[in-house]
Amino acid sequence: MAKKSPSVRRAALAASAVAVLGLVTACGSDDGSTASSPQTLSGTAAPATGDHGTDTASASASASAGGTAAGDSTATATTDAPTSTGTAKGGATPGGGSGGGRCHTSELRATVGRNNPGAGQENFPVVLTNTSSRTCTVRGYPGAAFVDGSGKQLGPDPKRTPGTPATVTLKPGRSAWAGLTFSNPEVSGARTATAASLLVTPPDERASLTVTWKGGQVPVSGNASSVRLTVFSAGTGA
């Protein structure tokens, strides 16, 4: 057999190397195709889409309901619904019948009765009178604050004297009263201020009624300066 020249041998070796490289490249391509098949993610995409769809539905529900805040408002509306319904029925009762529901600020007039001092205490009845044509109710404590001529509050908020709230039913023209008490500043040594008015807020209401204050100096800070309120009772406290 004739010997091959070195150049021919090198050419043959190069050809063999190319052939082997071709096989390696083809196998790598096959492995790539096999590995890329799951990357289609047809099975994985479905749950992801489903989750996204659920989020979208939740977002739509939240948008319809106004989100979390609206959910809270809905709960509040549900709580207040019986009261609102009672108010509506009360207004619709033929001949101005008994009606129902709590008294709203717009249906009431506030006054402060005469002082009934005793044992170093000043005691004033805060009176709410039903000025509407329906029967309504008050229950619990009033809100109250002394203010000066510019409307600035004098002293801290009054404290509540422990008591058992009872529902007081007010027919048109009837009243309920709560006690407003504080130690006489001359006895307690509390610092005082001159109040122009007393703001009175009916139970469960936000709007206040303004009453001209004629009860003299009120305590605003210092020893025993707390103003206290009692729960509402039927009558005027006179």
C-alpha atoms as a PDB file:
ATOM      1  CA  MET A   1       0.000   0.000   0.000  1.00  0.00           C
ATOM      2  CA  ALA A   2       1.356   3.416  -0.993  1.00  0.00           C
ATOM      3  CA  LYS A   3       2.322   5.735   1.809  1.00  0.00           C
ATOM      4  CA  LYS A   4       0.344   8.944   2.131  1.00  0.00           C
ATOM      5  CA  SER A   5       2.175  12.195   2.228  1.00  0.00           C
ATOM      6  CA  PRO A   6       2.041  14.265   5.442  1.00  0.00           C
ATOM      7  CA  SER A   7      -0.196  16.827   3.784  1.00  0.00           C
ATOM      8  CA  VAL A   8      -2.711  14.210   2.752  1.00  0.00           C
ATOM      9  CA  ARG A   9      -2.661  12.732   6.297  1.00  0.00           C
ATOM     10  CA  ARG A  10      -3.300  16.137   7.828  1.00  0.00           C
ATOM     11  CA  ALA A  11      -6.173  16.726   5.422  1.00  0.00           C
ATOM     12  CA  ALA A  12      -7.703  13.362   6.388  1.00  0.00           C
ATOM     13  CA  LEU A  13      -7.392  14.120  10.089  1.00  0.00           C
ATOM     14  CA  ALA A  14      -9.008  17.524   9.607  1.00  0.00           C
ATOM     15  CA  ALA A  15     -11.889  15.928   7.709  1.00  0.00           C
ATOM     16  CA  SER A  16     -12.402  13.425  10.536  1.00  0.00           C
ATOM     17  CA  ALA A  17     -12.400  16.184  13.112  1.00  0.00           C
ATOM     18  CA  VAL A  18     -15.034  18.117  11.150  1.00  0.00           C
ATOM     19  CA  ALA A  19     -17.187  14.999  10.947  1.00  0.00           C
ATOM     20  CA  VAL A  20     -16.947  14.413  14.697  1.00  0.00           C
ATOM     21  CA  LEU A  21     -17.682  18.097  15.409  1.00  0.00           C
ATOM     22  CA  GLY A  22     -20.713  17.827  13.189  1.00  0.00           C
ATOM     23  CA  LEU A  23     -22.012  14.936  15.267  1.00  0.00           C
ATOM     24  CA  VAL A  24     -21.381  16.801  18.515  1.00  0.00           C
ATOM     25  CA  THR A  25     -23.162  19.890  17.191  1.00  0.00           C
ATOM     26  CA  ALA A  26     -26.158  17.851  16.038  1.00  0.00           C
ATOM     27  CA  CYS A  27     -26.448  16.136  19.407  1.00  0.00           C
ATOM     28  CA  GLY A  28     -26.279  19.514  21.128  1.00  0.00           C
ATOM     29  CA  SER A  29     -29.013  20.806  18.886  1.00  0.00           C
ATOM     30  CA  ASP A  30     -31.189  17.788  19.687  1.00  0.00           C
ATOM     31  CA  ASP A  31     -30.564  18.267  23.421  1.00  0.00           C
ATOM     32  CA  GLY A  32     -31.485  21.920  23.046  1.00  0.00           C
ATOM     33  CA  SER A  33     -34.733  21.021  21.303  1.00  0.00           C
ATOM     34  CA  THR A  34     -35.544  18.459  23.981  1.00  0.00           C
ATOM     35  CA  ALA A  35     -34.769  20.914  26.798  1.00  0.00           C
ATOM     36  CA  SER A  36     -36.729  23.732  25.199  1.00  0.00           C
ATOM     37  CA  SER A  37     -39.929  21.719  24.860  1.00  0.00           C
ATOM     38  CA  PRO A  38     -41.062  22.349  28.479  1.00  0.00           C
ATOM     39  CA  GLN A  39     -40.269  26.020  27.983  1.00  0.00           C
ATOM     40  CA  THR A  40     -43.475  26.233  25.964  1.00  0.00           C
ATOM     41  CA  LEU A  41     -45.014  26.357  29.487  1.00  0.00           C
ATOM     42  CA  SER A  42     -48.459  25.435  28.262  1.00  0.00           C
ATOM     43  CA  GLY A  43     -49.121  23.608  31.499  1.00  0.00           C
ATOM     44  CA  THR A  44     -47.490  26.234  33.727  1.00  0.00           C
ATOM     45  CA  ALA A  45     -49.117  29.225  32.047  1.00  0.00           C
ATOM     46  CA  ALA A  46     -52.638  28.093  32.815  1.00  0.00           C
ATOM     47  CA  PRO A  47     -52.407  28.412  36.612  1.00  0.00           C
ATOM     48  CA  ALA A  48     -50.596  31.713  36.227  1.00  0.00           C
ATOM     49  CA  THR A  49     -53.389  33.018  34.030  1.00  0.00           C
ATOM     50  CA  GLY A  50     -55.936  31.656  36.451  1.00  0.00           C
ATOM     51  CA  ASP A  51     -54.270  33.420  39.362  1.00  0.00           C
ATOM     52  CA  HIS A  52     -54.148  36.624  37.408  1.00  0.00           C
ATOM     53  CA  GLY A  53     -57.794  36.215  36.505  1.00  0.00           C
ATOM     54  CA  THR A  54     -58.653  35.805  40.176  1.00  0.00           C
ATOM     55  CA  ASP A  55     -56.719  38.950  41.059  1.00  0.00           C
ATOM     56  CA  THR A  56     -58.509  40.835  38.306  1.00  0.00           C
ATOM     57  CA  ALA A  57     -61.881  39.645  39.550  1.00  0.00           C
ATOM     58  CA  SER A  58     -60.966  40.663  43.093  1.00  0.00           C
ATOM     59  CA  ALA A  59     -59.808  44.038  41.842  1.00  0.00           C
ATOM     60  CA  SER A  60     -63.062  44.498  39.948  1.00  0.00           C
ATOM     61  CA  ALA A  61     -65.053  43.542  43.023  1.00  0.00           C
ATOM     62  CA  SER A  62     -63.011  45.976  45.099  1.00  0.00           C
ATOM     63  CA  ALA A  63     -63.523  48.669  42.494  1.00  0.00           C
ATOM     64  CA  SER A  64     -67.263  48.047  42.475  1.00  0.00           C
ATOM     65  CA  ALA A  65     -67.324  48.183  46.251  1.00  0.00           C
ATOM     66  CA  GLY A  66     -64.929  51.093  46.440  1.00  0.00           C
ATOM     67  CA  GLY A  67     -62.063  49.012  47.831  1.00  0.00           C
ATOM     68  CA  THR A  68     -61.361  48.292  51.474  1.00  0.00           C
ATOM     69  CA  ALA A  69     -62.569  51.695  52.603  1.00  0.00           C
ATOM     70  CA  ALA A  70     -65.867  51.124  50.867  1.00  0.00           C
ATOM     71  CA  GLY A  71     -66.092  47.743  52.525  1.00  0.00           C
ATOM     72  CA  ASP A  72     -65.789  49.517  55.854  1.00  0.00           C
ATOM     73  CA  SER A  73     -68.406  52.014  54.730  1.00  0.00           C
ATOM     74  CA  THR A  74     -70.685  49.173  53.732  1.00  0.00           C
ATOM     75  CA  ALA A  75     -70.329  47.662  57.181  1.00  0.00           C
ATOM     76  CA  THR A  76     -71.087  51.026  58.744  1.00  0.00           C
ATOM     77  CA  ALA A  77     -74.079  51.500  56.466  1.00  0.00           C
ATOM     78  CA  THR A  78     -75.352  48.065  57.448  1.00  0.00           C
ATOM     79  CA  THR A  79     -74.996  48.951  61.118  1.00  0.00           C
ATOM     80  CA  ASP A  80     -76.798  52.239  60.635  1.00  0.00           C
ATOM     81  CA  ALA A  81     -79.455  50.829  58.335  1.00  0.00           C
ATOM     82  CA  PRO A  82     -82.042  50.012  61.051  1.00  0.00           C
ATOM     83  CA  THR A  83     -81.718  53.541  62.407  1.00  0.00           C
ATOM     84  CA  SER A  84     -82.114  55.073  58.980  1.00  0.00           C
ATOM     85  CA  THR A  85     -85.084  52.842  58.247  1.00  0.00           C
ATOM     86  CA  GLY A  86     -86.641  53.779  61.563  1.00  0.00           C
ATOM     87  CA  THR A  87     -86.189  57.441  60.773  1.00  0.00           C
ATOM     88  CA  ALA A  88     -87.810  57.053  57.387  1.00  0.00           C
ATOM     89  CA  LYS A  89     -90.737  55.135  58.842  1.00  0.00           C
ATOM     90  CA  GLY A  90     -91.090  57.708  61.564  1.00  0.00           C
ATOM     91  CA  GLY A  91     -91.372  60.487  59.023  1.00  0.00           C
ATOM     92  CA  ALA A  92     -93.933  58.485  57.069  1.00  0.00           C
ATOM     93  CA  THR A  93     -96.132  57.619  60.020  1.00  0.00           C
ATOM     94  CA  PRO A  94     -99.628  59.043  59.374  1.00  0.00           C
ATOM     95  CA  GLY A  95    -100.555  61.897  61.680  1.00  0.00           C
ATOM     96  CA  GLY A  96     -96.989  62.266  63.052  1.00  0.00           C
ATOM     97  CA  GLY A  97     -97.037  58.914  64.872  1.00  0.00           C
ATOM     98  CA  SER A  98     -94.390  57.387  67.082  1.00  0.00           C
ATOM     99  CA  GLY A  99     -91.700  56.775  64.440  1.00  0.00           C
ATOM    100  CA  GLY A 100     -88.315  55.615  65.746  1.00  0.00           C
ATOM    101  CA  GLY A 101     -84.550  55.838  65.568  1.00  0.00           C
ATOM    102  CA  ARG A 102     -82.109  58.119  67.315  1.00  0.00           C
ATOM    103  CA  CYS A 103     -82.581  61.866  67.460  1.00  0.00           C
ATOM    104  CA  HIS A 104     -80.401  63.782  65.015  1.00  0.00           C
ATOM    105  CA  THR A 105     -78.775  67.099  65.796  1.00  0.00           C
ATOM    106  CA  SER A 106     -81.085  68.942  63.391  1.00  0.00           C
ATOM    107  CA  GLU A 107     -84.096  67.684  65.382  1.00  0.00           C
ATOM    108  CA  LEU A 108     -82.907  68.928  68.755  1.00  0.00           C
ATOM    109  CA  ARG A 109     -82.462  72.135  70.717  1.00  0.00           C
ATOM    110  CA  ALA A 110     -79.803  72.355  73.440  1.00  0.00           C
ATOM    111  CA  THR A 111     -80.020  74.447  76.586  1.00  0.00           C
ATOM    112  CA  VAL A 112     -78.169  74.618  79.899  1.00  0.00           C
ATOM    113  CA  GLY A 113     -80.300  74.709  83.031  1.00  0.00           C
ATOM    114  CA  ARG A 114     -79.684  76.514  86.313  1.00  0.00           C
ATOM    115  CA  ASN A 115     -76.680  75.646  88.424  1.00  0.00           C
ATOM    116  CA  ASN A 116     -77.391  73.471  91.440  1.00  0.00           C
ATOM    117  CA  PRO A 117     -74.175  73.815  93.458  1.00  0.00           C
ATOM    118  CA  GLY A 118     -73.277  71.628  96.396  1.00  0.00           C
ATOM    119  CA  ALA A 119     -70.212  70.463  98.374  1.00  0.00           C
ATOM    120  CA  GLY A 120     -67.853  72.564  96.296  1.00  0.00           C
ATOM    121  CA  GLN A 121     -69.327  71.273  93.057  1.00  0.00           C
ATOM    122  CA  GLU A 122     -70.985  73.184  90.207  1.00  0.00           C
ATOM    123  CA  ASN A 123     -73.771  71.128  88.658  1.00  0.00           C
ATOM    124  CA  PHE A 124     -75.511  72.111  85.421  1.00  0.00           C
ATOM    125  CA  PRO A 125     -78.119  70.097  83.492  1.00  0.00           C
ATOM    126  CA  VAL A 126     -77.419  69.967  79.750  1.00  0.00           C
ATOM    127  CA  VAL A 127     -80.858  69.583  78.159  1.00  0.00           C
ATOM    128  CA  LEU A 128     -81.793  68.290  74.700  1.00  0.00           C
ATOM    129  CA  THR A 129     -85.365  68.921  73.551  1.00  0.00           C
ATOM    130  CA  ASN A 130     -86.992  67.203  70.583  1.00  0.00           C
ATOM    131  CA  THR A 131     -88.133  69.943  68.196  1.00  0.00           C
ATOM    132  CA  SER A 132     -89.144  67.580  65.391  1.00  0.00           C
ATOM    133  CA  SER A 133     -92.573  66.152  64.598  1.00  0.00           C
ATOM    134  CA  ARG A 134     -91.530  62.557  65.213  1.00  0.00           C
ATOM    135  CA  THR A 135     -90.589  60.510  68.258  1.00  0.00           C
ATOM    136  CA  CYS A 136     -86.890  59.703  68.521  1.00  0.00           C
ATOM    137  CA  THR A 137     -84.415  58.488  71.122  1.00  0.00           C
ATOM    138  CA  VAL A 138     -81.181  59.479  72.859  1.00  0.00           C
ATOM    139  CA  ARG A 139     -78.914  57.090  74.699  1.00  0.00           C
ATOM    140  CA  GLY A 140     -75.610  57.517  76.502  1.00  0.00           C
ATOM    141  CA  TYR A 141     -73.424  60.574  76.968  1.00  0.00           C
ATOM    142  CA  PRO A 142     -73.400  63.900  75.173  1.00  0.00           C
ATOM    143  CA  GLY A 143     -70.241  65.412  73.773  1.00  0.00           C
ATOM    144  CA  ALA A 144     -69.350  68.829  75.208  1.00  0.00           C
ATOM    145  CA  ALA A 145     -66.653  71.476  74.984  1.00  0.00           C
ATOM    146  CA  PHE A 146     -66.257  74.995  76.310  1.00  0.00           C
ATOM    147  CA  VAL A 147     -65.104  77.475  73.661  1.00  0.00           C
ATOM    148  CA  ASP A 148     -64.113  81.134  73.657  1.00  0.00           C
ATOM    149  CA  GLY A 149     -65.479  83.855  71.384  1.00  0.00           C
ATOM    150  CA  SER A 150     -63.334  82.695  68.466  1.00  0.00           C
ATOM    151  CA  GLY A 151     -64.462  79.078  68.807  1.00  0.00           C
ATOM    152  CA  LYS A 152     -61.220  77.823  70.359  1.00  0.00           C
ATOM    153  CA  GLN A 153     -61.703  75.040  72.888  1.00  0.00           C
ATOM    154  CA  LEU A 154     -60.913  75.867  76.503  1.00  0.00           C
ATOM    155  CA  GLY A 155     -59.452  73.052  78.556  1.00  0.00           C
ATOM    156  CA  PRO A 156     -59.438  69.321  77.816  1.00  0.00           C
ATOM    157  CA  ASP A 157     -62.433  67.242  76.778  1.00  0.00           C
ATOM    158  CA  PRO A 158     -64.816  66.437  79.642  1.00  0.00           C
ATOM    159  CA  LYS A 159     -64.578  63.024  81.268  1.00  0.00           C
ATOM    160  CA  ARG A 160     -67.455  60.586  81.678  1.00  0.00           C
ATOM    161  CA  THR A 161     -68.856  59.771  85.087  1.00  0.00           C
ATOM    162  CA  PRO A 162     -69.475  55.989  85.219  1.00  0.00           C
ATOM    163  CA  GLY A 163     -73.140  55.239  84.659  1.00  0.00           C
ATOM    164  CA  THR A 164     -75.515  52.804  82.983  1.00  0.00           C
ATOM    165  CA  PRO A 165     -76.861  54.222  79.700  1.00  0.00           C
ATOM    166  CA  ALA A 166     -80.596  53.871  79.132  1.00  0.00           C
ATOM    167  CA  THR A 167     -82.577  54.695  76.013  1.00  0.00           C
ATOM    168  CA  VAL A 168     -84.667  57.810  76.553  1.00  0.00           C
ATOM    169  CA  THR A 169     -87.625  58.111  74.191  1.00  0.00           C
ATOM    170  CA  LEU A 170     -88.503  61.689  73.296  1.00  0.00           C
ATOM    171  CA  LYS A 171     -91.882  62.501  71.868  1.00  0.00           C
ATOM    172  CA  PRO A 172     -92.089  65.869  70.108  1.00  0.00           C
ATOM    173  CA  GLY A 173     -91.450  68.611  72.670  1.00  0.00           C
ATOM    174  CA  ARG A 174     -90.021  66.264  75.322  1.00  0.00           C
ATOM    175  CA  SER A 175     -86.526  66.544  76.825  1.00  0.00           C
ATOM    176  CA  ALA A 176     -83.617  64.556  78.213  1.00  0.00           C
ATOM    177  CA  TRP A 177     -80.808  65.870  80.367  1.00  0.00           C
ATOM    178  CA  ALA A 178     -77.227  64.973  81.276  1.00  0.00           C
ATOM    179  CA  GLY A 179     -75.270  66.440  84.162  1.00  0.00           C
ATOM    180  CA  LEU A 180     -72.222  68.647  83.565  1.00  0.00           C
ATOM    181  CA  THR A 181     -70.211  69.054  86.757  1.00  0.00           C
ATOM    182  CA  PHE A 182     -66.867  70.461  87.904  1.00  0.00           C
ATOM    183  CA  SER A 183     -65.248  71.545  91.131  1.00  0.00           C
ATOM    184  CA  ASN A 184     -65.632  75.199  92.036  1.00  0.00           C
ATOM    185  CA  PRO A 185     -62.344  76.778  90.904  1.00  0.00           C
ATOM    186  CA  GLU A 186     -62.111  78.800  94.118  1.00  0.00           C
ATOM    187  CA  VAL A 187     -62.123  75.531  96.039  1.00  0.00           C
ATOM    188  CA  SER A 188     -59.967  73.453  93.696  1.00  0.00           C
ATOM    189  CA  GLY A 189     -57.472  76.164  92.821  1.00  0.00           C
ATOM    190  CA  ALA A 190     -57.754  75.319  89.119  1.00  0.00           C
ATOM    191  CA  ARG A 191     -56.831  77.896  86.508  1.00  0.00           C
ATOM    192  CA  THR A 192     -59.950  79.331  84.906  1.00  0.00           C
ATOM    193  CA  ALA A 193     -61.079  80.914  81.661  1.00  0.00           C
ATOM    194  CA  THR A 194     -64.170  82.737  80.487  1.00  0.00           C
ATOM    195  CA  ALA A 195     -66.214  80.584  78.136  1.00  0.00           C
ATOM    196  CA  ALA A 196     -68.422  82.192  75.509  1.00  0.00           C
ATOM    197  CA  SER A 197     -70.314  79.038  74.594  1.00  0.00           C
ATOM    198  CA  LEU A 198     -70.774  75.369  75.309  1.00  0.00           C
ATOM    199  CA  LEU A 199     -70.812  73.052  72.295  1.00  0.00           C
ATOM    200  CA  VAL A 200     -73.128  70.095  72.806  1.00  0.00           C
ATOM    201  CA  THR A 201     -73.096  67.036  70.547  1.00  0.00           C
ATOM    202  CA  PRO A 202     -76.004  64.569  70.837  1.00  0.00           C
ATOM    203  CA  PRO A 203     -75.107  60.873  71.223  1.00  0.00           C
ATOM    204  CA  ASP A 204     -73.922  59.181  68.011  1.00  0.00           C
ATOM    205  CA  GLU A 205     -74.009  62.486  66.108  1.00  0.00           C
ATOM    206  CA  ARG A 206     -71.185  64.587  64.671  1.00  0.00           C
ATOM    207  CA  ALA A 207     -72.806  68.011  64.352  1.00  0.00           C
ATOM    208  CA  SER A 208     -72.930  70.160  67.486  1.00  0.00           C
ATOM    209  CA  LEU A 209     -75.373  72.631  68.977  1.00  0.00           C
ATOM    210  CA  THR A 210     -74.103  75.920  70.418  1.00  0.00           C
ATOM    211  CA  VAL A 211     -75.385  77.217  73.748  1.00  0.00           C
ATOM    212  CA  THR A 212     -74.409  80.596  75.174  1.00  0.00           C
ATOM    213  CA  TRP A 213     -72.576  79.958  78.447  1.00  0.00           C
ATOM    214  CA  LYS A 214     -73.771  82.003  81.417  1.00  0.00           C
ATOM    215  CA  GLY A 215     -72.337  79.839  84.188  1.00  0.00           C
ATOM    216  CA  GLY A 216     -69.279  81.953  84.958  1.00  0.00           C
ATOM    217  CA  GLN A 217     -65.628  80.932  84.972  1.00  0.00           C
ATOM    218  CA  VAL A 218     -64.774  77.352  83.988  1.00  0.00           C
ATOM    219  CA  PRO A 219     -61.687  75.328  84.986  1.00  0.00           C
ATOM    220  CA  VAL A 220     -59.178  74.701  82.215  1.00  0.00           C
ATOM    221  CA  SER A 221     -56.084  73.321  83.978  1.00  0.00           C
ATOM    222  CA  GLY A 222     -54.584  72.639  87.371  1.00  0.00           C
ATOM    223  CA  ASN A 223     -55.683  70.608  90.336  1.00  0.00           C
ATOM    224  CA  ALA A 224     -59.188  69.084  90.109  1.00  0.00           C
ATOM    225  CA  SER A 225     -59.947  70.901  86.868  1.00  0.00           C
ATOM    226  CA  SER A 226     -61.784  68.025  85.205  1.00  0.00           C
ATOM    227  CA  VAL A 227     -65.255  68.645  83.817  1.00  0.00           C
ATOM    228  CA  ARG A 228     -67.474  65.563  83.925  1.00  0.00           C
ATOM    229  CA  LEU A 229     -70.606  64.402  82.121  1.00  0.00           C
ATOM    230  CA  THR A 230     -73.293  61.918  83.125  1.00  0.00           C
ATOM    231  CA  VAL A 231     -75.559  59.763  80.970  1.00  0.00           C
ATOM    232  CA  PHE A 232     -78.874  61.123  79.715  1.00  0.00           C
ATOM    233  CA  SER A 233     -82.034  60.746  81.793  1.00  0.00           C
ATOM    234  CA  ALA A 234     -85.601  61.720  80.974  1.00  0.00           C
ATOM    235  CA  GLY A 235     -86.710  65.247  81.887  1.00  0.00           C
ATOM    236  CA  THR A 236     -84.967  68.596  82.218  1.00  0.00           C
ATOM    237  CA  GLY A 237     -83.006  68.015  85.420  1.00  0.00           C
ATOM    238  CA  ALA A 238     -84.805  70.912  87.106  1.00  0.00           C
END
